[in-house]
Every structure is written in structure tokens, then in C-alpha cells.
């Protein structure tokens, strides 16, 4: 349980975790499955919120590229300038239930679809190394061209990865739900204000 502590991880600790994770494999076997067919038996979640209209598209994509969905009162992104490219590592710390967690993820694939009805821009990342959860999550900006509604959407499949997160499964689920709810609200606030 190296990623849990009573103190907030220092920048040096985060850099060391990123270095250790550089060649680490994904911590789950279904890499890329969020694109087409998420695995059976995993916790699934799919949520979205209206964040504006077509006039807000550029601002929404910029917010996504700056990892704004991680700027929460209890979640702290490290290096918001990490490029949104497959293979790039991203680290964040969070404080929950009196403990600090340090987690590292790797971008799996990009989302860039444009049709007559819908534009979708985003990415998926997957857990690596000592992440407290195993799985994959997508963050997508979606413009419904028929209604002119702009959405921020997050989908994920996950399982607890460590003894502590398995033991505290109800609390782990509450923390995941809180992240989703707060990330949706944060993007809505960023794009519409």
C-alpha cells in the first residue's frame, strides 16, 4: 500500500512514482475495452452533464486538455501540462477519509469522432503500477449537433486493486462516485463561467 499515507505526497515522491511507472504495465488486462466492450463483472459508470452549447466547444476542449476535471477541493493534479497523447503518464493525489493517496495513470487512446449528428473529443486513461483502483476511464466532450447541447461525459470500468480499497469497498465506491460528481460539476463551472 505504498500509495497511501498520512501526509500529502511531495513533488519528489510524485516524480519518483512517475519514474517507477514509466515502464510499468497497466494494472488490468482489458486495456482499451472502454472503447467498445467493457468487461463483464466490473463496476461500470457512465455519467454526463450539459456544459453549454456549440459556442462553448473550444473552451471545453481547452479545459479537458488542462486536466480541469481534477481541480477539486480534495483531488490535486500534478503537472497540468501533461500532453493528451497515448502513452503519457499523469499523476494525481487525493485526500479521502484522512488518508492521502497517490495514483498514476497512462493515456490509452484518444477520442476524435465527428459525424453529422455528433462531435466527440476526449481520451481514455488506464491505471498503472500501485494505483488503488484497477480499470479505465474516459473523459469526453460531446456536441450533439441536433440539439446544440454540449456535454462532458465520463465512463469507467473499475475494481479495487489493493487490500485497503477492497476492504473498504463501500467507501471506495463512495469516493469514486464523489469524484465523478465533482469532476462533472467542475467542468460545468469552468466552461459556463
N, C-alpha and C. Protein backbone atom coordinates (compact mmCIF):
# COMPACT_ATOMS: atom_id res chain seq x y z
N UNK A 1 0.82 -1.19 0.00
CA UNK A 1 0.00 0.00 0.00
C UNK A 1 0.87 1.25 0.00
N UNK A 2 1.82 1.30 -0.87
CA UNK A 2 2.75 2.42 -0.93
C UNK A 2 2.08 3.73 -1.31
N UNK A 3 0.93 3.69 -1.94
CA UNK A 3 0.34 4.94 -2.40
C UNK A 3 -0.55 5.61 -1.36
N UNK A 4 -0.71 5.04 -0.16
CA UNK A 4 -1.47 5.68 0.91
C UNK A 4 -0.53 6.19 1.99
N UNK A 5 -0.82 7.38 2.53
CA UNK A 5 -0.03 7.93 3.62
C UNK A 5 -0.86 8.93 4.40
N UNK A 6 -0.33 9.35 5.54
CA UNK A 6 -1.00 10.35 6.35
C UNK A 6 -0.65 11.76 5.90
N UNK A 7 0.42 11.89 5.13
CA UNK A 7 0.87 13.20 4.66
C UNK A 7 0.69 13.31 3.15
N UNK A 8 0.48 14.54 2.70
CA UNK A 8 0.35 14.79 1.26
C UNK A 8 1.66 14.44 0.57
N UNK A 9 1.61 13.72 -0.55
CA UNK A 9 2.83 13.36 -1.27
C UNK A 9 3.58 14.61 -1.75
N UNK A 10 4.87 14.61 -1.56
CA UNK A 10 5.70 15.72 -2.04
C UNK A 10 5.89 15.61 -3.54
N UNK A 11 6.35 16.70 -4.14
CA UNK A 11 6.65 16.65 -5.57
C UNK A 11 7.71 15.60 -5.87
N UNK A 12 8.68 15.45 -4.98
CA UNK A 12 9.73 14.44 -5.17
C UNK A 12 9.12 13.03 -5.15
N UNK A 13 8.18 12.79 -4.26
CA UNK A 13 7.53 11.47 -4.18
C UNK A 13 6.71 11.22 -5.45
N UNK A 14 6.05 12.25 -5.94
CA UNK A 14 5.25 12.10 -7.17
C UNK A 14 6.17 11.82 -8.35
N UNK A 15 7.27 12.56 -8.45
CA UNK A 15 8.24 12.32 -9.54
C UNK A 15 8.80 10.90 -9.47
N UNK A 16 9.09 10.42 -8.26
CA UNK A 16 9.60 9.05 -8.11
C UNK A 16 8.55 8.03 -8.54
N UNK A 17 7.29 8.27 -8.20
CA UNK A 17 6.21 7.36 -8.62
C UNK A 17 6.07 7.35 -10.14
N UNK A 18 6.18 8.52 -10.75
CA UNK A 18 6.11 8.58 -12.21
C UNK A 18 7.28 7.84 -12.84
N UNK A 19 8.45 8.00 -12.28
CA UNK A 19 9.64 7.30 -12.80
C UNK A 19 9.46 5.78 -12.69
N UNK A 20 8.99 5.31 -11.54
CA UNK A 20 8.75 3.87 -11.35
C UNK A 20 7.68 3.35 -12.31
N UNK A 21 6.75 4.20 -12.67
CA UNK A 21 5.63 3.78 -13.52
C UNK A 21 5.93 3.87 -15.00
N UNK A 22 7.06 4.45 -15.36
CA UNK A 22 7.40 4.69 -16.76
C UNK A 22 7.22 3.44 -17.63
N UNK A 23 7.76 2.31 -17.17
CA UNK A 23 7.67 1.07 -17.93
C UNK A 23 6.71 0.06 -17.30
N UNK A 24 5.96 0.49 -16.29
CA UNK A 24 5.03 -0.42 -15.62
C UNK A 24 3.88 -0.77 -16.56
N UNK A 25 3.44 -2.00 -16.49
CA UNK A 25 2.27 -2.38 -17.30
C UNK A 25 1.00 -1.78 -16.71
N UNK A 26 -0.05 -1.79 -17.50
CA UNK A 26 -1.35 -1.43 -16.96
C UNK A 26 -1.69 -2.43 -15.86
N UNK A 27 -2.48 -2.00 -14.89
CA UNK A 27 -2.81 -2.87 -13.75
C UNK A 27 -4.09 -3.68 -13.98
N UNK A 28 -4.52 -3.78 -15.21
CA UNK A 28 -5.73 -4.54 -15.56
C UNK A 28 -5.51 -5.11 -16.95
N UNK A 29 -6.26 -6.16 -17.27
CA UNK A 29 -5.98 -6.88 -18.52
C UNK A 29 -6.81 -6.43 -19.72
N UNK A 30 -7.76 -5.54 -19.54
CA UNK A 30 -8.67 -5.18 -20.63
C UNK A 30 -8.35 -3.80 -21.19
N UNK A 31 -7.11 -3.56 -21.53
CA UNK A 31 -6.67 -2.25 -22.00
C UNK A 31 -7.39 -1.89 -23.30
N UNK A 32 -8.03 -0.72 -23.30
CA UNK A 32 -8.76 -0.25 -24.46
C UNK A 32 -10.21 -0.70 -24.52
N UNK A 33 -10.65 -1.50 -23.56
CA UNK A 33 -12.01 -2.05 -23.60
C UNK A 33 -13.09 -1.00 -23.41
N UNK A 34 -12.74 0.16 -22.86
CA UNK A 34 -13.76 1.20 -22.70
C UNK A 34 -14.24 1.74 -24.04
N UNK A 35 -13.48 1.47 -25.08
CA UNK A 35 -13.86 1.93 -26.41
C UNK A 35 -15.06 1.16 -26.97
N UNK A 36 -15.07 -0.15 -26.78
CA UNK A 36 -16.10 -0.97 -27.41
C UNK A 36 -16.86 -1.88 -26.46
N UNK A 37 -16.13 -2.65 -25.69
CA UNK A 37 -16.80 -3.69 -24.89
C UNK A 37 -16.17 -3.81 -23.50
N UNK A 38 -16.65 -3.01 -22.55
CA UNK A 38 -16.12 -3.12 -21.18
C UNK A 38 -16.32 -4.53 -20.63
N UNK A 39 -15.44 -4.97 -19.75
CA UNK A 39 -15.51 -6.34 -19.25
C UNK A 39 -16.72 -6.57 -18.34
N UNK A 40 -17.24 -7.76 -18.40
CA UNK A 40 -18.36 -8.16 -17.53
C UNK A 40 -17.85 -8.33 -16.10
N UNK A 41 -18.70 -8.01 -15.14
CA UNK A 41 -18.35 -8.24 -13.74
C UNK A 41 -17.58 -7.12 -13.08
N UNK A 42 -17.26 -6.07 -13.82
CA UNK A 42 -16.57 -4.92 -13.25
C UNK A 42 -17.60 -3.84 -12.94
N UNK A 43 -17.26 -2.95 -12.02
CA UNK A 43 -18.15 -1.83 -11.72
C UNK A 43 -18.14 -0.88 -12.91
N UNK A 44 -19.32 -0.56 -13.41
CA UNK A 44 -19.45 0.33 -14.57
C UNK A 44 -20.10 1.64 -14.13
N UNK A 45 -19.71 2.71 -14.79
CA UNK A 45 -20.33 4.01 -14.51
C UNK A 45 -20.28 4.83 -15.79
N UNK A 46 -21.37 5.53 -16.09
CA UNK A 46 -21.46 6.37 -17.27
C UNK A 46 -22.32 7.57 -16.90
N UNK A 47 -21.71 8.75 -16.84
CA UNK A 47 -22.42 9.96 -16.42
C UNK A 47 -22.06 11.10 -17.37
N UNK A 48 -23.01 12.00 -17.54
CA UNK A 48 -22.72 13.18 -18.33
C UNK A 48 -23.56 14.35 -17.83
N UNK A 49 -23.10 15.56 -18.17
CA UNK A 49 -23.79 16.78 -17.76
C UNK A 49 -23.70 17.77 -18.91
N UNK A 50 -24.75 18.56 -19.09
CA UNK A 50 -24.72 19.63 -20.09
C UNK A 50 -23.81 20.73 -19.57
N UNK A 51 -22.87 21.16 -20.41
CA UNK A 51 -21.93 22.22 -20.02
C UNK A 51 -22.01 23.43 -20.95
N UNK A 52 -22.96 23.45 -21.86
CA UNK A 52 -23.10 24.58 -22.75
C UNK A 52 -23.66 24.18 -24.09
N UNK A 53 -23.20 24.91 -25.13
CA UNK A 53 -23.63 24.64 -26.50
C UNK A 53 -22.41 24.73 -27.42
N UNK A 54 -22.64 24.77 -28.71
CA UNK A 54 -21.52 24.78 -29.67
C UNK A 54 -20.57 25.94 -29.45
N UNK A 55 -21.08 27.06 -28.95
CA UNK A 55 -20.22 28.21 -28.69
C UNK A 55 -19.18 27.93 -27.59
N UNK A 56 -19.42 26.91 -26.76
CA UNK A 56 -18.54 26.58 -25.65
C UNK A 56 -17.55 25.46 -25.98
N UNK A 57 -17.61 24.92 -27.20
CA UNK A 57 -16.80 23.75 -27.54
C UNK A 57 -15.31 24.00 -27.35
N UNK A 58 -14.79 25.08 -27.87
CA UNK A 58 -13.35 25.35 -27.78
C UNK A 58 -12.91 25.46 -26.32
N UNK A 59 -13.69 26.16 -25.53
CA UNK A 59 -13.35 26.32 -24.11
C UNK A 59 -13.38 24.98 -23.37
N UNK A 60 -14.35 24.14 -23.71
CA UNK A 60 -14.47 22.83 -23.08
C UNK A 60 -13.27 21.94 -23.42
N UNK A 61 -12.87 21.94 -24.67
CA UNK A 61 -11.71 21.13 -25.08
C UNK A 61 -10.45 21.65 -24.39
N UNK A 62 -10.30 22.95 -24.29
CA UNK A 62 -9.14 23.52 -23.59
C UNK A 62 -9.13 23.09 -22.13
N UNK A 63 -10.28 23.12 -21.47
CA UNK A 63 -10.37 22.69 -20.07
C UNK A 63 -9.99 21.22 -19.94
N UNK A 64 -10.47 20.39 -20.85
CA UNK A 64 -10.13 18.97 -20.82
C UNK A 64 -8.63 18.77 -20.99
N UNK A 65 -8.03 19.50 -21.93
CA UNK A 65 -6.59 19.38 -22.18
C UNK A 65 -5.74 19.89 -21.02
N UNK A 66 -6.34 20.69 -20.14
CA UNK A 66 -5.65 21.21 -18.95
C UNK A 66 -6.01 20.42 -17.69
N UNK A 67 -6.67 19.29 -17.85
CA UNK A 67 -6.99 18.40 -16.73
C UNK A 67 -7.85 19.09 -15.67
N UNK A 68 -8.71 20.02 -16.08
CA UNK A 68 -9.53 20.78 -15.14
C UNK A 68 -10.42 19.86 -14.29
N UNK A 69 -10.86 18.74 -14.84
CA UNK A 69 -11.74 17.85 -14.09
C UNK A 69 -11.08 17.30 -12.83
N UNK A 70 -9.77 17.47 -12.70
CA UNK A 70 -9.05 17.04 -11.50
C UNK A 70 -8.79 18.18 -10.52
N UNK A 71 -9.19 19.37 -10.84
CA UNK A 71 -9.01 20.51 -9.94
C UNK A 71 -10.17 20.55 -8.96
N UNK A 72 -10.10 19.74 -7.95
CA UNK A 72 -11.17 19.63 -6.96
C UNK A 72 -10.61 19.99 -5.59
N UNK A 73 -11.49 20.17 -4.62
CA UNK A 73 -11.04 20.56 -3.29
C UNK A 73 -10.28 19.44 -2.59
N UNK A 74 -10.38 18.22 -3.10
CA UNK A 74 -9.75 17.07 -2.45
C UNK A 74 -8.91 16.22 -3.41
N UNK A 75 -8.84 16.62 -4.67
CA UNK A 75 -8.03 15.94 -5.69
C UNK A 75 -7.10 16.98 -6.30
N UNK A 76 -5.82 16.61 -6.47
CA UNK A 76 -4.82 17.57 -6.90
C UNK A 76 -4.00 16.99 -8.05
N UNK A 77 -4.21 17.54 -9.25
CA UNK A 77 -3.42 17.06 -10.40
C UNK A 77 -1.98 17.51 -10.27
N UNK A 78 -1.08 16.69 -10.74
CA UNK A 78 0.33 17.04 -10.78
C UNK A 78 0.70 17.30 -12.24
N UNK A 79 1.25 18.47 -12.49
CA UNK A 79 1.63 18.87 -13.85
C UNK A 79 0.42 18.85 -14.78
N UNK A 80 -0.31 19.92 -14.77
CA UNK A 80 -1.47 20.05 -15.66
C UNK A 80 -1.06 20.20 -17.13
N UNK A 81 0.23 20.27 -17.40
CA UNK A 81 0.69 20.42 -18.78
C UNK A 81 1.01 19.08 -19.45
N UNK A 82 0.64 17.97 -18.82
CA UNK A 82 0.87 16.67 -19.43
C UNK A 82 0.08 16.61 -20.73
N UNK A 83 0.75 16.37 -21.85
CA UNK A 83 0.04 16.33 -23.14
C UNK A 83 -0.94 15.16 -23.21
N UNK A 84 -2.06 15.41 -23.84
CA UNK A 84 -3.07 14.37 -24.03
C UNK A 84 -2.65 13.54 -25.25
N UNK A 85 -1.80 12.56 -25.00
CA UNK A 85 -1.28 11.68 -26.04
C UNK A 85 -1.17 10.27 -25.49
N UNK A 86 -1.47 9.25 -26.28
CA UNK A 86 -1.33 7.87 -25.81
C UNK A 86 0.08 7.61 -25.28
N UNK A 87 0.14 6.94 -24.16
CA UNK A 87 1.41 6.60 -23.53
C UNK A 87 1.87 7.59 -22.47
N UNK A 88 1.31 8.78 -22.44
CA UNK A 88 1.71 9.79 -21.43
C UNK A 88 1.18 9.40 -20.05
N UNK A 89 2.02 9.61 -19.04
CA UNK A 89 1.64 9.34 -17.66
C UNK A 89 1.10 10.61 -17.00
N UNK A 90 0.13 10.43 -16.12
CA UNK A 90 -0.48 11.52 -15.38
C UNK A 90 -0.62 11.07 -13.93
N UNK A 91 -0.23 11.93 -12.99
CA UNK A 91 -0.33 11.60 -11.57
C UNK A 91 -1.24 12.60 -10.87
N UNK A 92 -1.90 12.11 -9.85
CA UNK A 92 -2.71 12.99 -9.01
C UNK A 92 -2.73 12.43 -7.59
N UNK A 93 -2.89 13.33 -6.65
CA UNK A 93 -3.06 12.91 -5.26
C UNK A 93 -4.46 13.29 -4.82
N UNK A 94 -4.95 12.60 -3.81
CA UNK A 94 -6.27 12.90 -3.27
C UNK A 94 -6.27 12.61 -1.77
N UNK A 95 -7.15 13.31 -1.09
CA UNK A 95 -7.28 13.10 0.36
C UNK A 95 -8.71 12.65 0.64
N UNK A 96 -8.79 11.43 1.18
CA UNK A 96 -10.08 10.84 1.48
C UNK A 96 -10.00 10.09 2.80
N UNK A 97 -10.99 10.32 3.64
CA UNK A 97 -11.10 9.59 4.89
C UNK A 97 -9.83 9.68 5.74
N UNK A 98 -9.18 10.84 5.68
CA UNK A 98 -7.99 11.08 6.49
C UNK A 98 -6.69 10.56 5.91
N UNK A 99 -6.73 9.91 4.76
CA UNK A 99 -5.53 9.37 4.11
C UNK A 99 -5.29 10.07 2.79
N UNK A 100 -4.03 10.19 2.45
CA UNK A 100 -3.63 10.69 1.14
C UNK A 100 -3.32 9.51 0.24
N UNK A 101 -3.75 9.59 -0.99
CA UNK A 101 -3.43 8.57 -2.00
C UNK A 101 -2.71 9.23 -3.16
N UNK A 102 -1.74 8.54 -3.70
CA UNK A 102 -1.01 8.98 -4.89
C UNK A 102 -1.26 7.94 -5.98
N UNK A 103 -1.80 8.37 -7.11
CA UNK A 103 -2.15 7.46 -8.19
C UNK A 103 -1.57 7.93 -9.51
N UNK A 104 -1.16 6.95 -10.32
CA UNK A 104 -0.58 7.23 -11.64
C UNK A 104 -1.42 6.48 -12.68
N UNK A 105 -1.70 7.18 -13.78
CA UNK A 105 -2.44 6.61 -14.90
C UNK A 105 -1.68 6.87 -16.20
N UNK A 106 -2.03 6.12 -17.23
CA UNK A 106 -1.43 6.30 -18.55
C UNK A 106 -2.55 6.47 -19.58
N UNK A 107 -2.37 7.43 -20.47
CA UNK A 107 -3.38 7.64 -21.52
C UNK A 107 -3.33 6.44 -22.48
N UNK A 108 -4.50 5.86 -22.71
CA UNK A 108 -4.61 4.65 -23.54
C UNK A 108 -4.88 5.01 -24.99
N UNK A 109 -5.89 5.85 -25.23
CA UNK A 109 -6.25 6.22 -26.60
C UNK A 109 -6.95 7.57 -26.60
N UNK A 110 -7.02 8.16 -27.78
CA UNK A 110 -7.71 9.43 -27.97
C UNK A 110 -9.07 9.19 -28.59
N UNK A 111 -9.98 10.12 -28.37
CA UNK A 111 -11.31 10.07 -28.96
C UNK A 111 -11.45 11.32 -29.82
N UNK A 112 -11.71 11.13 -31.09
CA UNK A 112 -11.88 12.26 -32.01
C UNK A 112 -12.81 11.82 -33.13
N UNK A 113 -14.10 11.91 -32.86
CA UNK A 113 -15.12 11.48 -33.81
C UNK A 113 -15.96 12.67 -34.23
N UNK A 114 -16.27 12.75 -35.50
CA UNK A 114 -17.11 13.83 -35.99
C UNK A 114 -18.05 13.28 -37.05
N UNK A 115 -19.35 13.38 -36.79
CA UNK A 115 -20.36 12.94 -37.76
C UNK A 115 -21.38 14.07 -37.93
N UNK A 116 -22.40 13.81 -38.73
CA UNK A 116 -23.44 14.82 -38.94
C UNK A 116 -24.20 15.13 -37.65
N UNK A 117 -24.30 14.13 -36.75
CA UNK A 117 -25.07 14.32 -35.53
C UNK A 117 -24.23 14.66 -34.29
N UNK A 118 -22.97 14.22 -34.24
CA UNK A 118 -22.21 14.31 -33.00
C UNK A 118 -20.73 14.55 -33.24
N UNK A 119 -20.15 15.43 -32.42
CA UNK A 119 -18.70 15.59 -32.34
C UNK A 119 -18.28 15.10 -30.96
N UNK A 120 -17.27 14.24 -30.91
CA UNK A 120 -16.75 13.71 -29.64
C UNK A 120 -15.24 13.89 -29.61
N UNK A 121 -14.75 14.54 -28.54
CA UNK A 121 -13.32 14.78 -28.36
C UNK A 121 -12.96 14.40 -26.94
N UNK A 122 -11.91 13.59 -26.79
CA UNK A 122 -11.51 13.21 -25.44
C UNK A 122 -10.43 12.17 -25.44
N UNK A 123 -10.37 11.43 -24.34
CA UNK A 123 -9.34 10.40 -24.19
C UNK A 123 -9.77 9.41 -23.11
N UNK A 124 -9.07 8.27 -23.12
CA UNK A 124 -9.22 7.28 -22.06
C UNK A 124 -7.88 7.11 -21.39
N UNK A 125 -7.91 6.91 -20.09
CA UNK A 125 -6.67 6.56 -19.39
C UNK A 125 -6.91 5.32 -18.56
N UNK A 126 -5.82 4.61 -18.32
CA UNK A 126 -5.89 3.38 -17.53
C UNK A 126 -4.92 3.43 -16.38
N UNK A 127 -5.22 2.63 -15.36
CA UNK A 127 -4.40 2.61 -14.16
C UNK A 127 -3.12 1.81 -14.39
N UNK A 128 -2.05 2.26 -13.76
CA UNK A 128 -0.77 1.57 -13.81
C UNK A 128 -0.20 1.47 -12.40
N UNK A 129 0.76 0.57 -12.25
CA UNK A 129 1.51 0.49 -11.01
C UNK A 129 0.65 0.26 -9.79
N UNK A 130 0.88 1.09 -8.79
CA UNK A 130 0.30 0.92 -7.47
C UNK A 130 -1.03 1.65 -7.29
N UNK A 131 -1.71 1.98 -8.37
CA UNK A 131 -2.98 2.70 -8.28
C UNK A 131 -3.93 1.92 -7.36
N UNK A 132 -4.72 2.63 -6.56
CA UNK A 132 -5.61 1.98 -5.61
C UNK A 132 -6.81 1.30 -6.28
N UNK A 133 -7.10 1.68 -7.51
CA UNK A 133 -8.19 1.10 -8.30
C UNK A 133 -7.58 0.53 -9.58
N UNK A 134 -8.18 -0.52 -10.12
CA UNK A 134 -7.79 -1.04 -11.43
C UNK A 134 -8.89 -0.70 -12.41
N UNK A 135 -8.52 -0.24 -13.60
CA UNK A 135 -9.53 -0.02 -14.61
C UNK A 135 -9.21 1.12 -15.55
N UNK A 136 -10.23 1.55 -16.26
CA UNK A 136 -10.08 2.53 -17.33
C UNK A 136 -11.21 3.54 -17.26
N UNK A 137 -10.89 4.79 -17.58
CA UNK A 137 -11.90 5.85 -17.56
C UNK A 137 -11.74 6.73 -18.78
N UNK A 138 -12.87 7.15 -19.33
CA UNK A 138 -12.85 8.09 -20.46
C UNK A 138 -13.39 9.43 -20.00
N UNK A 139 -12.85 10.48 -20.59
CA UNK A 139 -13.33 11.84 -20.40
C UNK A 139 -13.60 12.40 -21.79
N UNK A 140 -14.85 12.79 -22.05
CA UNK A 140 -15.23 13.18 -23.40
C UNK A 140 -16.06 14.45 -23.41
N UNK A 141 -15.74 15.33 -24.35
CA UNK A 141 -16.58 16.47 -24.67
C UNK A 141 -17.42 16.04 -25.86
N UNK A 142 -18.74 16.16 -25.74
CA UNK A 142 -19.65 15.70 -26.80
C UNK A 142 -20.59 16.83 -27.20
N UNK A 143 -20.60 17.15 -28.47
CA UNK A 143 -21.52 18.15 -29.01
C UNK A 143 -22.59 17.44 -29.82
N UNK A 144 -23.84 17.49 -29.31
CA UNK A 144 -24.99 16.95 -30.04
C UNK A 144 -25.42 18.03 -31.03
N UNK A 145 -25.14 17.81 -32.31
CA UNK A 145 -25.40 18.83 -33.32
C UNK A 145 -26.90 19.04 -33.60
N UNK A 146 -27.71 18.06 -33.25
CA UNK A 146 -29.15 18.23 -33.48
C UNK A 146 -29.80 19.09 -32.41
N UNK A 147 -29.33 19.02 -31.18
CA UNK A 147 -29.91 19.82 -30.09
C UNK A 147 -29.05 21.02 -29.72
N UNK A 148 -27.80 21.08 -30.24
CA UNK A 148 -26.82 22.11 -29.91
C UNK A 148 -26.46 22.08 -28.42
N UNK A 149 -26.54 20.90 -27.80
CA UNK A 149 -26.13 20.75 -26.41
C UNK A 149 -24.72 20.18 -26.35
N UNK A 150 -23.91 20.76 -25.48
CA UNK A 150 -22.53 20.32 -25.26
C UNK A 150 -22.49 19.61 -23.92
N UNK A 151 -21.91 18.40 -23.92
CA UNK A 151 -21.84 17.58 -22.71
C UNK A 151 -20.39 17.32 -22.32
N UNK A 152 -20.18 17.12 -21.04
CA UNK A 152 -18.97 16.49 -20.53
C UNK A 152 -19.40 15.14 -20.00
N UNK A 153 -18.71 14.09 -20.46
CA UNK A 153 -19.10 12.72 -20.13
C UNK A 153 -17.90 11.96 -19.58
N UNK A 154 -18.16 11.16 -18.59
CA UNK A 154 -17.13 10.26 -18.08
C UNK A 154 -17.72 8.86 -17.96
N UNK A 155 -16.98 7.89 -18.46
CA UNK A 155 -17.38 6.49 -18.34
C UNK A 155 -16.19 5.72 -17.76
N UNK A 156 -16.49 4.68 -17.02
CA UNK A 156 -15.39 3.89 -16.46
C UNK A 156 -15.83 2.47 -16.14
N UNK A 157 -14.83 1.58 -16.12
CA UNK A 157 -14.99 0.27 -15.52
C UNK A 157 -13.85 0.13 -14.53
N UNK A 158 -14.16 -0.44 -13.35
CA UNK A 158 -13.14 -0.46 -12.30
C UNK A 158 -13.40 -1.56 -11.29
N UNK A 159 -12.32 -1.84 -10.54
CA UNK A 159 -12.32 -2.74 -9.39
C UNK A 159 -11.28 -2.24 -8.41
N UNK A 160 -11.49 -2.49 -7.11
CA UNK A 160 -10.44 -2.16 -6.15
C UNK A 160 -9.18 -2.97 -6.46
N UNK A 161 -8.02 -2.35 -6.28
CA UNK A 161 -6.77 -3.02 -6.62
C UNK A 161 -5.95 -3.42 -5.40
N UNK A 162 -6.23 -2.84 -4.26
CA UNK A 162 -5.41 -3.09 -3.09
C UNK A 162 -6.28 -3.60 -1.94
N UNK A 163 -5.64 -4.22 -0.97
CA UNK A 163 -6.36 -4.77 0.17
C UNK A 163 -7.22 -3.72 0.85
N UNK A 164 -6.68 -2.54 1.08
CA UNK A 164 -7.41 -1.49 1.78
C UNK A 164 -8.64 -1.04 0.99
N UNK A 165 -8.51 -0.89 -0.33
CA UNK A 165 -9.67 -0.46 -1.12
C UNK A 165 -10.69 -1.58 -1.29
N UNK A 166 -10.26 -2.84 -1.24
CA UNK A 166 -11.21 -3.96 -1.26
C UNK A 166 -11.93 -4.07 0.07
N UNK A 167 -11.18 -3.92 1.15
CA UNK A 167 -11.75 -4.00 2.49
C UNK A 167 -12.80 -2.91 2.71
N UNK A 168 -12.51 -1.74 2.21
CA UNK A 168 -13.41 -0.58 2.39
C UNK A 168 -14.23 -0.33 1.13
N UNK A 169 -14.69 -1.38 0.48
CA UNK A 169 -15.38 -1.25 -0.81
C UNK A 169 -16.52 -0.23 -0.80
N UNK A 170 -17.39 -0.19 0.20
CA UNK A 170 -18.44 0.85 0.18
C UNK A 170 -17.85 2.27 0.18
N UNK A 171 -16.79 2.48 0.92
CA UNK A 171 -16.15 3.80 0.95
C UNK A 171 -15.42 4.09 -0.36
N UNK A 172 -14.82 3.05 -0.94
CA UNK A 172 -14.16 3.20 -2.23
C UNK A 172 -15.18 3.61 -3.29
N UNK A 173 -16.34 2.95 -3.28
CA UNK A 173 -17.40 3.29 -4.24
C UNK A 173 -17.89 4.71 -4.02
N UNK A 174 -18.07 5.11 -2.77
CA UNK A 174 -18.49 6.49 -2.48
C UNK A 174 -17.46 7.50 -2.99
N UNK A 175 -16.17 7.19 -2.81
CA UNK A 175 -15.12 8.11 -3.29
C UNK A 175 -15.13 8.20 -4.81
N UNK A 176 -15.32 7.08 -5.49
CA UNK A 176 -15.40 7.11 -6.95
C UNK A 176 -16.60 7.92 -7.42
N UNK A 177 -17.73 7.72 -6.77
CA UNK A 177 -18.94 8.47 -7.13
C UNK A 177 -18.75 9.96 -6.86
N UNK A 178 -18.08 10.27 -5.76
CA UNK A 178 -17.81 11.67 -5.44
C UNK A 178 -16.92 12.29 -6.50
N UNK A 179 -15.87 11.56 -6.94
CA UNK A 179 -15.01 12.10 -7.98
C UNK A 179 -15.81 12.39 -9.24
N UNK A 180 -16.63 11.45 -9.67
CA UNK A 180 -17.42 11.65 -10.89
C UNK A 180 -18.32 12.87 -10.75
N UNK A 181 -19.05 12.94 -9.67
CA UNK A 181 -19.97 14.07 -9.44
C UNK A 181 -19.21 15.40 -9.42
N UNK A 182 -18.09 15.44 -8.69
CA UNK A 182 -17.32 16.68 -8.58
C UNK A 182 -16.64 17.06 -9.90
N UNK A 183 -16.14 16.06 -10.64
CA UNK A 183 -15.49 16.35 -11.93
C UNK A 183 -16.50 16.91 -12.93
N UNK A 184 -17.71 16.34 -12.96
CA UNK A 184 -18.75 16.86 -13.84
C UNK A 184 -19.09 18.30 -13.48
N UNK A 185 -19.25 18.56 -12.20
CA UNK A 185 -19.59 19.92 -11.75
C UNK A 185 -18.44 20.89 -12.03
N UNK A 186 -17.21 20.44 -11.85
CA UNK A 186 -16.05 21.31 -12.09
C UNK A 186 -15.96 21.72 -13.56
N UNK A 187 -16.16 20.77 -14.47
CA UNK A 187 -16.12 21.09 -15.89
C UNK A 187 -17.28 22.01 -16.27
N UNK A 188 -18.44 21.77 -15.71
CA UNK A 188 -19.60 22.63 -15.98
C UNK A 188 -19.30 24.05 -15.52
N UNK A 189 -18.73 24.20 -14.36
CA UNK A 189 -18.37 25.51 -13.82
C UNK A 189 -17.32 26.20 -14.70
N UNK A 190 -16.31 25.45 -15.11
CA UNK A 190 -15.21 26.03 -15.91
C UNK A 190 -15.70 26.52 -17.26
N UNK A 191 -16.56 25.77 -17.89
CA UNK A 191 -16.96 26.06 -19.27
C UNK A 191 -18.05 27.15 -19.32
N UNK A 192 -18.95 27.16 -18.36
CA UNK A 192 -20.07 28.11 -18.42
C UNK A 192 -19.81 29.42 -17.72
N UNK A 193 -18.77 29.53 -16.93
CA UNK A 193 -18.46 30.80 -16.24
C UNK A 193 -17.49 31.64 -17.02
